Amino acid sequence: MSEHTERLQRLEAELQTQVPPWRWVPVVEALQALRGVQFTVAVTLSAELGDLSRFDHPRQLMSYLGLIPSEHPTGEPRRQGAITQTGNSQARRALIEGAWASRYPATVRRHWQLRLAKVPKVIQAISGKAQVRLCKRYRRLVARGTNANHVVALARELAAFMWAIAREVEVAR
């Protein structure tokens, strides 16, 4: 086992001990219902962003994360550029990492089924819709000839699904 893998395992073990008394545990558990959002990604996003429901609309969250395209408004045609990258870089990186799971077909495997069993039906429905939509979107991007490395669009949509889930979860204040 490499030193890097051992370090990651130690970090995850420490997170497992530190997170249970945290007030954002219900959100962390609910976010894990999404494909590509494992424990570390859910904890990172909750720690970096706090209350996702403070945003009135998912577009505000996307903008906060710097996942929206920049615009060049001069002239008649609307031209968009790369993402603005103005927000929290740690949360953005974690989202993009989670969005890579959309490359795979939309299926429910055993380990994911176990995670889904822990959350309410409403969150399961959002999670299922997210998996199908993100997988379909990835396939369309690849079929269109878009570089497969451009998963930022998927991360942007994943953020919207996370926002929807966070609005359904009750957090102890």
C-alpha atoms as a PDB file:
ATOM      1  CA  MET A   1       0.000   0.000   0.000  1.00  0.00           C
ATOM      2  CA  SER A   2       1.339   3.415  -0.908  1.00  0.00           C
ATOM      3  CA  GLU A   3       2.010   6.190   1.553  1.00  0.00           C
ATOM      4  CA  HIS A   4      -0.683   8.289  -0.123  1.00  0.00           C
ATOM      5  CA  THR A   5      -3.332   5.580   0.353  1.00  0.00           C
ATOM      6  CA  GLU A   6      -2.369   5.096   3.996  1.00  0.00           C
ATOM      7  CA  ARG A   7      -2.611   8.835   4.591  1.00  0.00           C
ATOM      8  CA  LEU A   8      -6.082   8.945   3.032  1.00  0.00           C
ATOM      9  CA  GLN A   9      -7.225   6.028   5.190  1.00  0.00           C
ATOM     10  CA  ARG A  10      -5.948   7.761   8.337  1.00  0.00           C
ATOM     11  CA  LEU A  11      -7.754  10.961   7.320  1.00  0.00           C
ATOM     12  CA  GLU A  12     -11.031   9.130   6.695  1.00  0.00           C
ATOM     13  CA  ALA A  13     -10.741   7.262  10.006  1.00  0.00           C
ATOM     14  CA  GLU A  14     -10.209  10.563  11.830  1.00  0.00           C
ATOM     15  CA  LEU A  15     -13.179  12.131  10.040  1.00  0.00           C
ATOM     16  CA  GLN A  16     -15.343   9.149  11.030  1.00  0.00           C
ATOM     17  CA  THR A  17     -14.566   9.854  14.691  1.00  0.00           C
ATOM     18  CA  GLN A  18     -14.974  13.649  14.489  1.00  0.00           C
ATOM     19  CA  VAL A  19     -18.201  13.914  12.472  1.00  0.00           C
ATOM     20  CA  PRO A  20     -20.868  12.117  14.616  1.00  0.00           C
ATOM     21  CA  PRO A  21     -21.381  14.932  17.170  1.00  0.00           C
ATOM     22  CA  TRP A  22     -21.422  17.563  14.400  1.00  0.00           C
ATOM     23  CA  ARG A  23     -24.700  19.361  13.723  1.00  0.00           C
ATOM     24  CA  TRP A  24     -24.414  18.824   9.942  1.00  0.00           C
ATOM     25  CA  VAL A  25     -24.461  14.995  10.237  1.00  0.00           C
ATOM     26  CA  PRO A  26     -28.007  14.706   8.810  1.00  0.00           C
ATOM     27  CA  VAL A  27     -26.945  16.691   5.735  1.00  0.00           C
ATOM     28  CA  VAL A  28     -23.753  14.643   5.336  1.00  0.00           C
ATOM     29  CA  GLU A  29     -25.754  11.408   5.460  1.00  0.00           C
ATOM     30  CA  ALA A  30     -28.375  12.722   3.035  1.00  0.00           C
ATOM     31  CA  LEU A  31     -25.794  13.984   0.520  1.00  0.00           C
ATOM     32  CA  GLN A  32     -24.252  10.519   0.421  1.00  0.00           C
ATOM     33  CA  ALA A  33     -27.426   9.319  -1.298  1.00  0.00           C
ATOM     34  CA  LEU A  34     -26.083  10.969  -4.449  1.00  0.00           C
ATOM     35  CA  ARG A  35     -23.844   8.957  -6.701  1.00  0.00           C
ATOM     36  CA  GLY A  36     -20.232  10.102  -6.528  1.00  0.00           C
ATOM     37  CA  VAL A  37     -20.704  11.760  -3.145  1.00  0.00           C
ATOM     38  CA  GLN A  38     -18.992   9.551  -0.628  1.00  0.00           C
ATOM     39  CA  PHE A  39     -18.337  10.420   3.006  1.00  0.00           C
ATOM     40  CA  THR A  40     -15.267  12.594   2.416  1.00  0.00           C
ATOM     41  CA  VAL A  41     -16.918  14.644  -0.339  1.00  0.00           C
ATOM     42  CA  ALA A  42     -20.084  15.136   1.747  1.00  0.00           C
ATOM     43  CA  VAL A  43     -18.087  16.233   4.808  1.00  0.00           C
ATOM     44  CA  THR A  44     -15.930  18.578   2.714  1.00  0.00           C
ATOM     45  CA  LEU A  45     -18.951  20.248   1.139  1.00  0.00           C
ATOM     46  CA  SER A  46     -20.795  20.577   4.432  1.00  0.00           C
ATOM     47  CA  ALA A  47     -17.747  22.011   6.167  1.00  0.00           C
ATOM     48  CA  GLU A  48     -16.909  24.433   3.373  1.00  0.00           C
ATOM     49  CA  LEU A  49     -20.425  25.602   2.548  1.00  0.00           C
ATOM     50  CA  GLY A  50     -22.369  25.209   5.786  1.00  0.00           C
ATOM     51  CA  ASP A  51     -26.110  25.546   5.315  1.00  0.00           C
ATOM     52  CA  LEU A  52     -26.910  24.957   1.634  1.00  0.00           C
ATOM     53  CA  SER A  53     -30.508  25.979   2.173  1.00  0.00           C
ATOM     54  CA  ARG A  54     -29.371  29.564   2.832  1.00  0.00           C
ATOM     55  CA  PHE A  55     -29.292  29.984  -0.932  1.00  0.00           C
ATOM     56  CA  ASP A  56     -32.711  30.891  -2.323  1.00  0.00           C
ATOM     57  CA  HIS A  57     -32.089  29.190  -5.643  1.00  0.00           C
ATOM     58  CA  PRO A  58     -29.546  26.599  -6.846  1.00  0.00           C
ATOM     59  CA  ARG A  59     -28.140  29.172  -9.302  1.00  0.00           C
ATOM     60  CA  GLN A  60     -26.960  31.209  -6.318  1.00  0.00           C
ATOM     61  CA  LEU A  61     -25.101  28.171  -4.990  1.00  0.00           C
ATOM     62  CA  MET A  62     -23.552  27.523  -8.413  1.00  0.00           C
ATOM     63  CA  SER A  63     -22.450  31.138  -8.606  1.00  0.00           C
ATOM     64  CA  TYR A  64     -21.032  31.008  -5.072  1.00  0.00           C
ATOM     65  CA  LEU A  65     -18.992  27.959  -6.053  1.00  0.00           C
ATOM     66  CA  GLY A  66     -17.681  29.645  -9.201  1.00  0.00           C
ATOM     67  CA  LEU A  67     -19.221  26.986 -11.455  1.00  0.00           C
ATOM     68  CA  ILE A  68     -21.033  29.367 -13.785  1.00  0.00           C
ATOM     69  CA  PRO A  69     -19.521  30.361 -17.136  1.00  0.00           C
ATOM     70  CA  SER A  70     -18.024  33.793 -17.500  1.00  0.00           C
ATOM     71  CA  GLU A  71     -19.611  36.097 -20.064  1.00  0.00           C
ATOM     72  CA  HIS A  72     -18.208  38.567 -22.524  1.00  0.00           C
ATOM     73  CA  PRO A  73     -21.173  40.902 -22.990  1.00  0.00           C
ATOM     74  CA  THR A  74     -19.647  43.267 -25.529  1.00  0.00           C
ATOM     75  CA  GLY A  75     -21.249  43.080 -28.923  1.00  0.00           C
ATOM     76  CA  GLU A  76     -24.428  41.411 -30.113  1.00  0.00           C
ATOM     77  CA  PRO A  77     -23.746  37.676 -29.757  1.00  0.00           C
ATOM     78  CA  ARG A  78     -23.685  36.362 -26.201  1.00  0.00           C
ATOM     79  CA  ARG A  79     -20.320  34.699 -25.677  1.00  0.00           C
ATOM     80  CA  GLN A  80     -19.497  32.532 -22.706  1.00  0.00           C
ATOM     81  CA  GLY A  81     -16.058  31.631 -21.476  1.00  0.00           C
ATOM     82  CA  ALA A  82     -14.583  29.332 -18.860  1.00  0.00           C
ATOM     83  CA  ILE A  83     -16.052  29.104 -15.354  1.00  0.00           C
ATOM     84  CA  THR A  84     -15.541  32.098 -13.109  1.00  0.00           C
ATOM     85  CA  GLN A  85     -13.762  30.146 -10.320  1.00  0.00           C
ATOM     86  CA  THR A  86     -14.697  32.895  -7.887  1.00  0.00           C
ATOM     87  CA  GLY A  87     -16.020  30.720  -5.093  1.00  0.00           C
ATOM     88  CA  ASN A  88     -14.738  28.170  -2.675  1.00  0.00           C
ATOM     89  CA  SER A  89     -12.081  26.129  -4.491  1.00  0.00           C
ATOM     90  CA  GLN A  90     -12.160  23.202  -2.036  1.00  0.00           C
ATOM     91  CA  ALA A  91     -15.903  22.732  -2.440  1.00  0.00           C
ATOM     92  CA  ARG A  92     -15.635  23.154  -6.221  1.00  0.00           C
ATOM     93  CA  ARG A  93     -12.896  20.510  -6.394  1.00  0.00           C
ATOM     94  CA  ALA A  94     -14.933  18.080  -4.286  1.00  0.00           C
ATOM     95  CA  LEU A  95     -17.992  18.592  -6.503  1.00  0.00           C
ATOM     96  CA  ILE A  96     -16.030  18.016  -9.692  1.00  0.00           C
ATOM     97  CA  GLU A  97     -14.514  14.902  -8.165  1.00  0.00           C
ATOM     98  CA  GLY A  98     -17.999  13.624  -7.351  1.00  0.00           C
ATOM     99  CA  ALA A  99     -19.297  14.475 -10.823  1.00  0.00           C
ATOM    100  CA  TRP A 100     -16.862  12.018 -12.423  1.00  0.00           C
ATOM    101  CA  ALA A 101     -19.122   9.179 -11.228  1.00  0.00           C
ATOM    102  CA  SER A 102     -21.614  10.240 -13.915  1.00  0.00           C
ATOM    103  CA  ARG A 103     -19.478   8.497 -16.532  1.00  0.00           C
ATOM    104  CA  TYR A 104     -20.925   5.158 -15.520  1.00  0.00           C
ATOM    105  CA  PRO A 105     -24.395   3.834 -16.406  1.00  0.00           C
ATOM    106  CA  ALA A 106     -27.235   4.750 -14.075  1.00  0.00           C
ATOM    107  CA  THR A 107     -27.557   1.610 -11.959  1.00  0.00           C
ATOM    108  CA  VAL A 108     -28.113   0.901  -8.285  1.00  0.00           C
ATOM    109  CA  ARG A 109     -25.348  -1.298  -6.923  1.00  0.00           C
ATOM    110  CA  ARG A 110     -25.404  -3.005  -3.528  1.00  0.00           C
ATOM    111  CA  HIS A 111     -23.236  -0.513  -1.613  1.00  0.00           C
ATOM    112  CA  TRP A 112     -25.262   2.371  -2.984  1.00  0.00           C
ATOM    113  CA  GLN A 113     -28.516   0.589  -2.107  1.00  0.00           C
ATOM    114  CA  LEU A 114     -27.333   0.361   1.503  1.00  0.00           C
ATOM    115  CA  ARG A 115     -26.654   4.103   1.585  1.00  0.00           C
ATOM    116  CA  LEU A 116     -30.062   4.861   0.059  1.00  0.00           C
ATOM    117  CA  ALA A 117     -31.846   2.743   2.675  1.00  0.00           C
ATOM    118  CA  LYS A 118     -30.742   5.203   5.377  1.00  0.00           C
ATOM    119  CA  VAL A 119     -32.466   8.245   3.864  1.00  0.00           C
ATOM    120  CA  PRO A 120     -36.150   9.209   3.423  1.00  0.00           C
ATOM    121  CA  LYS A 121     -38.050   8.428   0.213  1.00  0.00           C
ATOM    122  CA  VAL A 122     -38.003  12.074  -0.903  1.00  0.00           C
ATOM    123  CA  ILE A 123     -34.215  12.118  -0.878  1.00  0.00           C
ATOM    124  CA  GLN A 124     -34.106   8.725  -2.620  1.00  0.00           C
ATOM    125  CA  ALA A 125     -36.284  10.165  -5.392  1.00  0.00           C
ATOM    126  CA  ILE A 126     -34.019  13.205  -5.816  1.00  0.00           C
ATOM    127  CA  SER A 127     -31.000  10.916  -5.862  1.00  0.00           C
ATOM    128  CA  GLY A 128     -32.491   8.639  -8.511  1.00  0.00           C
ATOM    129  CA  LYS A 129     -33.449  11.585 -10.682  1.00  0.00           C
ATOM    130  CA  ALA A 130     -29.941  13.023 -10.301  1.00  0.00           C
ATOM    131  CA  GLN A 131     -28.249   9.775 -11.294  1.00  0.00           C
ATOM    132  CA  VAL A 132     -30.308   9.353 -14.461  1.00  0.00           C
ATOM    133  CA  ARG A 133     -30.033  13.017 -15.476  1.00  0.00           C
ATOM    134  CA  LEU A 134     -26.284  13.326 -14.888  1.00  0.00           C
ATOM    135  CA  CYS A 135     -25.512  10.076 -16.699  1.00  0.00           C
ATOM    136  CA  LYS A 136     -27.649  11.156 -19.663  1.00  0.00           C
ATOM    137  CA  ARG A 137     -26.007  14.594 -19.696  1.00  0.00           C
ATOM    138  CA  TYR A 138     -22.528  13.055 -19.683  1.00  0.00           C
ATOM    139  CA  ARG A 139     -23.438  10.785 -22.608  1.00  0.00           C
ATOM    140  CA  ARG A 140     -24.812  13.771 -24.567  1.00  0.00           C
ATOM    141  CA  LEU A 141     -21.646  15.778 -23.957  1.00  0.00           C
ATOM    142  CA  VAL A 142     -19.475  12.900 -25.152  1.00  0.00           C
ATOM    143  CA  ALA A 143     -21.696  12.238 -28.202  1.00  0.00           C
ATOM    144  CA  ARG A 144     -21.575  15.908 -29.141  1.00  0.00           C
ATOM    145  CA  GLY A 145     -17.797  15.718 -29.186  1.00  0.00           C
ATOM    146  CA  THR A 146     -17.254  17.763 -26.067  1.00  0.00           C
ATOM    147  CA  ASN A 147     -14.054  16.842 -24.307  1.00  0.00           C
ATOM    148  CA  ALA A 148     -14.882  14.220 -21.663  1.00  0.00           C
ATOM    149  CA  ASN A 149     -12.800  16.156 -19.137  1.00  0.00           C
ATOM    150  CA  HIS A 150     -15.403  18.909 -19.064  1.00  0.00           C
ATOM    151  CA  VAL A 151     -17.345  17.585 -16.108  1.00  0.00           C
ATOM    152  CA  VAL A 152     -17.882  21.085 -14.753  1.00  0.00           C
ATOM    153  CA  ALA A 153     -21.356  21.125 -16.299  1.00  0.00           C
ATOM    154  CA  LEU A 154     -22.129  17.936 -14.404  1.00  0.00           C
ATOM    155  CA  ALA A 155     -20.701  19.393 -11.187  1.00  0.00           C
ATOM    156  CA  ARG A 156     -22.949  22.418 -11.648  1.00  0.00           C
ATOM    157  CA  GLU A 157     -26.028  20.183 -11.892  1.00  0.00           C
ATOM    158  CA  LEU A 158     -24.798  18.020  -9.005  1.00  0.00           C
ATOM    159  CA  ALA A 159     -24.662  21.184  -6.877  1.00  0.00           C
ATOM    160  CA  ALA A 160     -28.302  21.849  -7.725  1.00  0.00           C
ATOM    161  CA  PHE A 161     -29.304  18.342  -6.628  1.00  0.00           C
ATOM    162  CA  MET A 162     -27.328  18.800  -3.406  1.00  0.00           C
ATOM    163  CA  TRP A 163     -29.192  22.040  -2.783  1.00  0.00           C
ATOM    164  CA  ALA A 164     -32.508  20.217  -3.270  1.00  0.00           C
ATOM    165  CA  ILE A 165     -31.506  17.484  -0.825  1.00  0.00           C
ATOM    166  CA  ALA A 166     -30.246  19.966   1.777  1.00  0.00           C
ATOM    167  CA  ARG A 167     -33.627  21.717   1.694  1.00  0.00           C
ATOM    168  CA  GLU A 168     -35.318  18.437   2.636  1.00  0.00           C
ATOM    169  CA  VAL A 169     -33.105  17.694   5.655  1.00  0.00           C
ATOM    170  CA  GLU A 170     -33.801  18.918   9.166  1.00  0.00           C
ATOM    171  CA  VAL A 171     -30.678  20.137  10.963  1.00  0.00           C
ATOM    172  CA  ALA A 172     -30.465  20.647  14.712  1.00  0.00           C
ATOM    173  CA  ARG A 173     -29.924  24.340  15.334  1.00  0.00           C
END
